[in-house]
Amino acid sequence: MCALFEASRRIGSDHFDPIDMGRVVMETWSGLMDAYMQDRPRFEGGKRFIDIPYRDILTDAPTVIAKVYDAAGVPLTPTGQAAMAAWETENAQNKHGKHQYVLERYGITLDEIDRAFASYTDRFAAELGR
C-alpha cells in the first residue's frame, strides 16, 4: 500500500516523506482492519464470507474461482472457466515486471506489521500458514 500511495502522491507533489507515509498507511489500514474484525461477527451468521489465502490464488486459481462462484450461488460455466484460463495464460504474474517490497524504505518492520494487524493474523493464523 505504501508504494501505491507513494505513486499517487508523486503525481501531484514533489514532496514525499516515505517514513511519514509508512506510518500513515500503517495506522490507517490497521485501524480499518481492526474495525472490520470487530464488526465482522455481526454479519457472519446471515452472510456468506469466503476467506482465501493469497498463496491459494497463486497456486490454484481455478479451484479458488470455483469456490467463490459456489459461495455466491452463481454457476461457473465452461465458457467462463475457459475465458478465465485464457486471461490467466495471457496475464501471468510479473508480466510487466516484479514489484519489490521494501519495508525499510517506509520505516516499517515485519514485527510492526504483525503487531498492527494482530486482530486479523491471530484469527486467520492457520490460513496464513502461521
N, C-alpha and C. Protein backbone atom coordinates (compact mmCIF):
# COMPACT_ATOMS: atom_id res chain seq x y z
N MET A 1 0.83 -1.19 0.00
CA MET A 1 0.00 0.00 0.00
C MET A 1 0.87 1.25 0.00
N CYS A 2 2.00 1.18 0.68
CA CYS A 2 2.87 2.36 0.73
C CYS A 2 3.32 2.76 -0.67
N ALA A 3 3.73 1.81 -1.48
CA ALA A 3 4.20 2.12 -2.83
C ALA A 3 3.07 2.70 -3.68
N LEU A 4 1.87 2.18 -3.52
CA LEU A 4 0.72 2.70 -4.25
C LEU A 4 0.44 4.15 -3.84
N PHE A 5 0.44 4.40 -2.54
CA PHE A 5 0.22 5.75 -2.05
C PHE A 5 1.34 6.68 -2.50
N GLU A 6 2.56 6.18 -2.50
CA GLU A 6 3.69 6.99 -2.96
C GLU A 6 3.50 7.39 -4.42
N ALA A 7 3.14 6.44 -5.26
CA ALA A 7 2.95 6.73 -6.68
C ALA A 7 1.85 7.77 -6.88
N SER A 8 0.75 7.63 -6.16
CA SER A 8 -0.34 8.59 -6.32
C SER A 8 0.04 9.96 -5.77
N ARG A 9 0.80 9.99 -4.69
CA ARG A 9 1.23 11.27 -4.09
C ARG A 9 2.17 12.01 -5.03
N ARG A 10 3.05 11.29 -5.68
CA ARG A 10 4.03 11.93 -6.56
C ARG A 10 3.40 12.52 -7.83
N ILE A 11 2.21 12.12 -8.16
CA ILE A 11 1.52 12.69 -9.32
C ILE A 11 1.30 14.19 -9.13
N GLY A 12 0.96 14.57 -7.90
CA GLY A 12 0.61 15.97 -7.66
C GLY A 12 1.53 16.73 -6.74
N SER A 13 2.65 16.11 -6.33
CA SER A 13 3.51 16.80 -5.38
C SER A 13 4.95 16.33 -5.52
N ASP A 14 5.86 17.26 -5.32
CA ASP A 14 7.29 16.90 -5.30
C ASP A 14 7.73 16.52 -3.89
N HIS A 15 6.89 16.81 -2.90
CA HIS A 15 7.24 16.50 -1.51
C HIS A 15 6.71 15.12 -1.13
N PHE A 16 7.60 14.30 -0.67
CA PHE A 16 7.19 12.98 -0.22
C PHE A 16 8.16 12.50 0.84
N ASP A 17 7.63 12.12 1.98
CA ASP A 17 8.43 11.58 3.07
C ASP A 17 8.02 10.12 3.25
N PRO A 18 8.87 9.18 2.81
CA PRO A 18 8.48 7.76 2.88
C PRO A 18 8.24 7.26 4.30
N ILE A 19 8.99 7.79 5.27
CA ILE A 19 8.80 7.35 6.67
C ILE A 19 7.43 7.80 7.16
N ASP A 20 7.08 9.05 6.88
CA ASP A 20 5.77 9.56 7.26
C ASP A 20 4.66 8.75 6.58
N MET A 21 4.85 8.47 5.29
CA MET A 21 3.85 7.69 4.56
C MET A 21 3.69 6.30 5.17
N GLY A 22 4.78 5.68 5.54
CA GLY A 22 4.71 4.37 6.17
C GLY A 22 3.87 4.37 7.42
N ARG A 23 4.06 5.39 8.25
CA ARG A 23 3.29 5.49 9.50
C ARG A 23 1.80 5.73 9.21
N VAL A 24 1.53 6.62 8.28
CA VAL A 24 0.13 6.93 7.95
C VAL A 24 -0.57 5.68 7.40
N VAL A 25 0.08 4.99 6.50
CA VAL A 25 -0.52 3.79 5.90
C VAL A 25 -0.75 2.72 6.97
N MET A 26 0.24 2.51 7.82
CA MET A 26 0.09 1.50 8.89
C MET A 26 -1.07 1.85 9.82
N GLU A 27 -1.13 3.09 10.26
CA GLU A 27 -2.20 3.50 11.18
C GLU A 27 -3.57 3.40 10.51
N THR A 28 -3.65 3.86 9.28
CA THR A 28 -4.93 3.86 8.58
C THR A 28 -5.42 2.44 8.34
N TRP A 29 -4.60 1.60 7.72
CA TRP A 29 -5.05 0.26 7.35
C TRP A 29 -5.20 -0.67 8.55
N SER A 30 -4.35 -0.53 9.55
CA SER A 30 -4.53 -1.38 10.73
C SER A 30 -5.79 -0.97 11.49
N GLY A 31 -6.10 0.32 11.52
CA GLY A 31 -7.34 0.78 12.16
C GLY A 31 -8.57 0.27 11.42
N LEU A 32 -8.52 0.33 10.10
CA LEU A 32 -9.63 -0.20 9.30
C LEU A 32 -9.79 -1.71 9.49
N MET A 33 -8.67 -2.42 9.54
CA MET A 33 -8.75 -3.87 9.73
C MET A 33 -9.29 -4.21 11.11
N ASP A 34 -8.87 -3.47 12.14
CA ASP A 34 -9.40 -3.71 13.48
C ASP A 34 -10.91 -3.50 13.51
N ALA A 35 -11.38 -2.43 12.87
CA ALA A 35 -12.82 -2.15 12.83
C ALA A 35 -13.55 -3.26 12.08
N TYR A 36 -12.99 -3.70 10.97
CA TYR A 36 -13.59 -4.79 10.20
C TYR A 36 -13.68 -6.06 11.04
N MET A 37 -12.59 -6.41 11.71
CA MET A 37 -12.58 -7.64 12.51
C MET A 37 -13.55 -7.54 13.68
N GLN A 38 -13.74 -6.35 14.18
CA GLN A 38 -14.69 -6.16 15.28
C GLN A 38 -16.13 -6.28 14.77
N ASP A 39 -16.39 -5.77 13.58
CA ASP A 39 -17.75 -5.78 13.03
C ASP A 39 -18.12 -7.09 12.35
N ARG A 40 -17.15 -7.81 11.86
CA ARG A 40 -17.43 -8.99 11.04
C ARG A 40 -18.33 -10.02 11.72
N PRO A 41 -18.14 -10.36 13.00
CA PRO A 41 -19.01 -11.38 13.62
C PRO A 41 -20.50 -11.05 13.53
N ARG A 42 -20.85 -9.78 13.51
CA ARG A 42 -22.27 -9.41 13.40
C ARG A 42 -22.87 -9.84 12.07
N PHE A 43 -22.03 -9.96 11.06
CA PHE A 43 -22.52 -10.25 9.72
C PHE A 43 -22.28 -11.69 9.27
N GLU A 44 -21.47 -12.41 9.99
CA GLU A 44 -21.11 -13.75 9.56
C GLU A 44 -22.29 -14.72 9.55
N GLY A 45 -23.20 -14.58 10.46
CA GLY A 45 -24.30 -15.52 10.54
C GLY A 45 -25.21 -15.50 9.32
N GLY A 46 -25.59 -14.33 8.86
CA GLY A 46 -26.54 -14.23 7.76
C GLY A 46 -25.90 -14.02 6.40
N LYS A 47 -24.62 -13.79 6.37
CA LYS A 47 -23.94 -13.51 5.11
C LYS A 47 -22.90 -14.60 4.84
N ARG A 48 -22.56 -14.71 3.61
CA ARG A 48 -21.53 -15.68 3.23
C ARG A 48 -20.19 -14.97 3.09
N PHE A 49 -19.23 -15.46 3.82
CA PHE A 49 -17.86 -14.97 3.71
C PHE A 49 -17.01 -16.10 3.18
N ILE A 50 -16.03 -15.77 2.40
CA ILE A 50 -15.07 -16.77 1.98
C ILE A 50 -13.69 -16.13 2.12
N ASP A 51 -12.87 -16.76 2.91
CA ASP A 51 -11.52 -16.26 3.16
C ASP A 51 -10.55 -17.13 2.38
N ILE A 52 -9.76 -16.49 1.55
CA ILE A 52 -8.86 -17.22 0.66
C ILE A 52 -7.45 -16.70 0.84
N PRO A 53 -6.55 -17.56 1.24
CA PRO A 53 -5.14 -17.14 1.32
C PRO A 53 -4.60 -16.79 -0.07
N TYR A 54 -3.82 -15.76 -0.15
CA TYR A 54 -3.26 -15.31 -1.43
C TYR A 54 -2.48 -16.43 -2.10
N ARG A 55 -1.77 -17.21 -1.31
CA ARG A 55 -0.98 -18.30 -1.91
C ARG A 55 -1.86 -19.30 -2.65
N ASP A 56 -3.12 -19.48 -2.21
CA ASP A 56 -4.05 -20.36 -2.92
C ASP A 56 -4.42 -19.79 -4.29
N ILE A 57 -4.54 -18.48 -4.36
CA ILE A 57 -4.83 -17.85 -5.64
C ILE A 57 -3.66 -18.08 -6.59
N LEU A 58 -2.46 -17.96 -6.08
CA LEU A 58 -1.27 -18.14 -6.91
C LEU A 58 -1.08 -19.58 -7.36
N THR A 59 -1.41 -20.53 -6.49
CA THR A 59 -1.11 -21.93 -6.79
C THR A 59 -2.26 -22.69 -7.46
N ASP A 60 -3.49 -22.23 -7.25
CA ASP A 60 -4.63 -22.97 -7.81
C ASP A 60 -5.82 -22.05 -8.05
N ALA A 61 -5.64 -21.07 -8.91
CA ALA A 61 -6.70 -20.08 -9.17
C ALA A 61 -8.01 -20.71 -9.62
N PRO A 62 -8.00 -21.73 -10.50
CA PRO A 62 -9.30 -22.29 -10.92
C PRO A 62 -10.14 -22.84 -9.75
N THR A 63 -9.50 -23.50 -8.81
CA THR A 63 -10.23 -24.02 -7.65
C THR A 63 -10.76 -22.88 -6.79
N VAL A 64 -9.95 -21.85 -6.61
CA VAL A 64 -10.38 -20.68 -5.83
C VAL A 64 -11.59 -20.02 -6.50
N ILE A 65 -11.51 -19.84 -7.78
CA ILE A 65 -12.62 -19.22 -8.52
C ILE A 65 -13.89 -20.06 -8.37
N ALA A 66 -13.76 -21.36 -8.47
CA ALA A 66 -14.92 -22.24 -8.30
C ALA A 66 -15.52 -22.08 -6.91
N LYS A 67 -14.68 -21.96 -5.88
CA LYS A 67 -15.18 -21.78 -4.51
C LYS A 67 -15.92 -20.45 -4.37
N VAL A 68 -15.40 -19.41 -4.98
CA VAL A 68 -16.05 -18.10 -4.90
C VAL A 68 -17.40 -18.13 -5.60
N TYR A 69 -17.44 -18.69 -6.78
CA TYR A 69 -18.71 -18.81 -7.50
C TYR A 69 -19.71 -19.62 -6.69
N ASP A 70 -19.25 -20.74 -6.12
CA ASP A 70 -20.13 -21.59 -5.33
C ASP A 70 -20.67 -20.84 -4.12
N ALA A 71 -19.81 -20.11 -3.43
CA ALA A 71 -20.24 -19.36 -2.25
C ALA A 71 -21.25 -18.28 -2.61
N ALA A 72 -21.10 -17.73 -3.82
CA ALA A 72 -22.03 -16.68 -4.27
C ALA A 72 -23.31 -17.26 -4.86
N GLY A 73 -23.34 -18.60 -5.05
CA GLY A 73 -24.51 -19.22 -5.64
C GLY A 73 -24.65 -18.93 -7.13
N VAL A 74 -23.51 -18.69 -7.77
CA VAL A 74 -23.51 -18.37 -9.20
C VAL A 74 -22.89 -19.54 -9.95
N PRO A 75 -23.56 -20.01 -10.99
CA PRO A 75 -22.97 -21.13 -11.74
C PRO A 75 -21.72 -20.68 -12.51
N LEU A 76 -20.71 -21.51 -12.48
CA LEU A 76 -19.48 -21.26 -13.23
C LEU A 76 -19.55 -22.10 -14.50
N THR A 77 -19.72 -21.45 -15.61
CA THR A 77 -19.90 -22.16 -16.87
C THR A 77 -18.55 -22.55 -17.48
N PRO A 78 -18.55 -23.56 -18.32
CA PRO A 78 -17.33 -23.91 -19.04
C PRO A 78 -16.78 -22.73 -19.85
N THR A 79 -17.65 -21.91 -20.41
CA THR A 79 -17.21 -20.73 -21.17
C THR A 79 -16.49 -19.75 -20.24
N GLY A 80 -17.06 -19.55 -19.07
CA GLY A 80 -16.43 -18.67 -18.08
C GLY A 80 -15.08 -19.20 -17.64
N GLN A 81 -15.03 -20.50 -17.36
CA GLN A 81 -13.77 -21.11 -16.96
C GLN A 81 -12.72 -20.97 -18.05
N ALA A 82 -13.10 -21.19 -19.29
CA ALA A 82 -12.16 -21.09 -20.40
C ALA A 82 -11.66 -19.66 -20.56
N ALA A 83 -12.55 -18.69 -20.42
CA ALA A 83 -12.16 -17.29 -20.54
C ALA A 83 -11.18 -16.89 -19.44
N MET A 84 -11.44 -17.35 -18.24
CA MET A 84 -10.53 -17.05 -17.12
C MET A 84 -9.19 -17.73 -17.31
N ALA A 85 -9.19 -18.95 -17.78
CA ALA A 85 -7.93 -19.66 -18.03
C ALA A 85 -7.12 -18.96 -19.11
N ALA A 86 -7.80 -18.49 -20.15
CA ALA A 86 -7.10 -17.77 -21.22
C ALA A 86 -6.53 -16.46 -20.69
N TRP A 87 -7.30 -15.75 -19.89
CA TRP A 87 -6.81 -14.49 -19.32
C TRP A 87 -5.57 -14.76 -18.46
N GLU A 88 -5.65 -15.79 -17.63
CA GLU A 88 -4.52 -16.10 -16.75
C GLU A 88 -3.27 -16.44 -17.56
N THR A 89 -3.43 -17.18 -18.64
CA THR A 89 -2.30 -17.53 -19.50
C THR A 89 -1.69 -16.28 -20.13
N GLU A 90 -2.54 -15.37 -20.57
CA GLU A 90 -2.08 -14.15 -21.23
C GLU A 90 -1.55 -13.10 -20.26
N ASN A 91 -1.87 -13.24 -18.98
CA ASN A 91 -1.51 -12.21 -17.99
C ASN A 91 -0.82 -12.83 -16.79
N ALA A 92 0.23 -13.55 -17.05
CA ALA A 92 0.97 -14.20 -15.96
C ALA A 92 1.48 -13.17 -14.96
N GLN A 93 1.57 -13.60 -13.72
CA GLN A 93 2.09 -12.72 -12.68
C GLN A 93 3.48 -12.23 -13.10
N ASN A 94 3.76 -10.98 -12.84
CA ASN A 94 5.03 -10.31 -13.16
C ASN A 94 5.22 -10.08 -14.65
N LYS A 95 4.18 -10.19 -15.42
CA LYS A 95 4.25 -9.97 -16.87
C LYS A 95 4.87 -8.61 -17.20
N HIS A 96 4.56 -7.63 -16.39
CA HIS A 96 5.05 -6.27 -16.64
C HIS A 96 6.16 -5.88 -15.66
N GLY A 97 6.81 -6.86 -15.06
CA GLY A 97 7.86 -6.60 -14.08
C GLY A 97 7.40 -7.01 -12.70
N LYS A 98 8.36 -7.17 -11.83
CA LYS A 98 8.06 -7.62 -10.47
C LYS A 98 8.23 -6.47 -9.49
N HIS A 99 7.19 -6.26 -8.70
CA HIS A 99 7.27 -5.22 -7.67
C HIS A 99 8.13 -5.74 -6.51
N GLN A 100 9.03 -4.91 -6.06
CA GLN A 100 9.88 -5.27 -4.91
C GLN A 100 9.33 -4.56 -3.67
N TYR A 101 8.99 -5.34 -2.66
CA TYR A 101 8.51 -4.79 -1.41
C TYR A 101 9.70 -4.47 -0.53
N VAL A 102 9.83 -3.21 -0.14
CA VAL A 102 10.97 -2.78 0.67
C VAL A 102 10.41 -2.03 1.88
N LEU A 103 10.16 -2.76 2.95
CA LEU A 103 9.57 -2.15 4.14
C LEU A 103 10.44 -1.05 4.71
N GLU A 104 11.76 -1.25 4.66
CA GLU A 104 12.69 -0.31 5.27
C GLU A 104 12.54 1.09 4.68
N ARG A 105 12.22 1.18 3.40
CA ARG A 105 12.05 2.49 2.75
C ARG A 105 10.99 3.31 3.47
N TYR A 106 10.00 2.65 4.03
CA TYR A 106 8.89 3.32 4.69
C TYR A 106 9.00 3.28 6.22
N GLY A 107 10.14 2.84 6.71
CA GLY A 107 10.37 2.82 8.16
C GLY A 107 9.52 1.81 8.89
N ILE A 108 9.20 0.72 8.24
CA ILE A 108 8.32 -0.30 8.82
C ILE A 108 9.09 -1.61 8.94
N THR A 109 8.81 -2.34 10.01
CA THR A 109 9.41 -3.67 10.17
C THR A 109 8.31 -4.72 10.12
N LEU A 110 8.71 -5.95 9.84
CA LEU A 110 7.75 -7.05 9.82
C LEU A 110 7.10 -7.23 11.19
N ASP A 111 7.86 -7.05 12.26
CA ASP A 111 7.29 -7.15 13.62
C ASP A 111 6.19 -6.10 13.84
N GLU A 112 6.41 -4.89 13.33
CA GLU A 112 5.39 -3.85 13.47
C GLU A 112 4.12 -4.22 12.71
N ILE A 113 4.30 -4.77 11.53
CA ILE A 113 3.13 -5.20 10.74
C ILE A 113 2.38 -6.30 11.48
N ASP A 114 3.12 -7.27 12.01
CA ASP A 114 2.48 -8.35 12.77
C ASP A 114 1.68 -7.81 13.95
N ARG A 115 2.24 -6.86 14.68
CA ARG A 115 1.53 -6.28 15.83
C ARG A 115 0.33 -5.46 15.37
N ALA A 116 0.51 -4.67 14.33
CA ALA A 116 -0.56 -3.78 13.87
C ALA A 116 -1.76 -4.56 13.34
N PHE A 117 -1.50 -5.72 12.74
CA PHE A 117 -2.59 -6.50 12.14
C PHE A 117 -2.87 -7.78 12.92
N ALA A 118 -2.55 -7.78 14.20
CA ALA A 118 -2.72 -8.97 15.03
C ALA A 118 -4.16 -9.45 15.08
N SER A 119 -5.13 -8.53 15.05
CA SER A 119 -6.54 -8.96 15.12
C SER A 119 -6.88 -9.86 13.92
N TYR A 120 -6.27 -9.58 12.80
CA TYR A 120 -6.50 -10.39 11.61
C TYR A 120 -5.63 -11.64 11.61
N THR A 121 -4.34 -11.47 11.82
CA THR A 121 -3.43 -12.61 11.72
C THR A 121 -3.68 -13.64 12.82
N ASP A 122 -4.13 -13.20 13.99
CA ASP A 122 -4.45 -14.17 15.05
C ASP A 122 -5.65 -15.02 14.65
N ARG A 123 -6.65 -14.41 14.08
CA ARG A 123 -7.86 -15.15 13.71
C ARG A 123 -7.61 -16.11 12.53
N PHE A 124 -6.78 -15.70 11.60
CA PHE A 124 -6.56 -16.49 10.39
C PHE A 124 -5.16 -17.10 10.33
N ALA A 125 -4.59 -17.39 11.48
CA ALA A 125 -3.23 -17.93 11.55
C ALA A 125 -3.07 -19.20 10.71
N ALA A 126 -4.03 -20.11 10.80
CA ALA A 126 -3.92 -21.37 10.06
C ALA A 126 -3.94 -21.12 8.55
N GLU A 127 -4.84 -20.25 8.11
CA GLU A 127 -4.93 -19.96 6.68
C GLU A 127 -3.69 -19.25 6.17
N LEU A 128 -3.04 -18.50 7.06
CA LEU A 128 -1.85 -17.76 6.69
C LEU A 128 -0.58 -18.60 6.81
N GLY A 129 -0.75 -19.82 7.29
CA GLY A 129 0.42 -20.70 7.43
C GLY A 129 1.30 -20.33 8.61
N ARG A 130 0.69 -19.81 9.66
CA ARG A 130 1.46 -19.41 10.85
C ARG A 130 1.24 -20.38 11.98
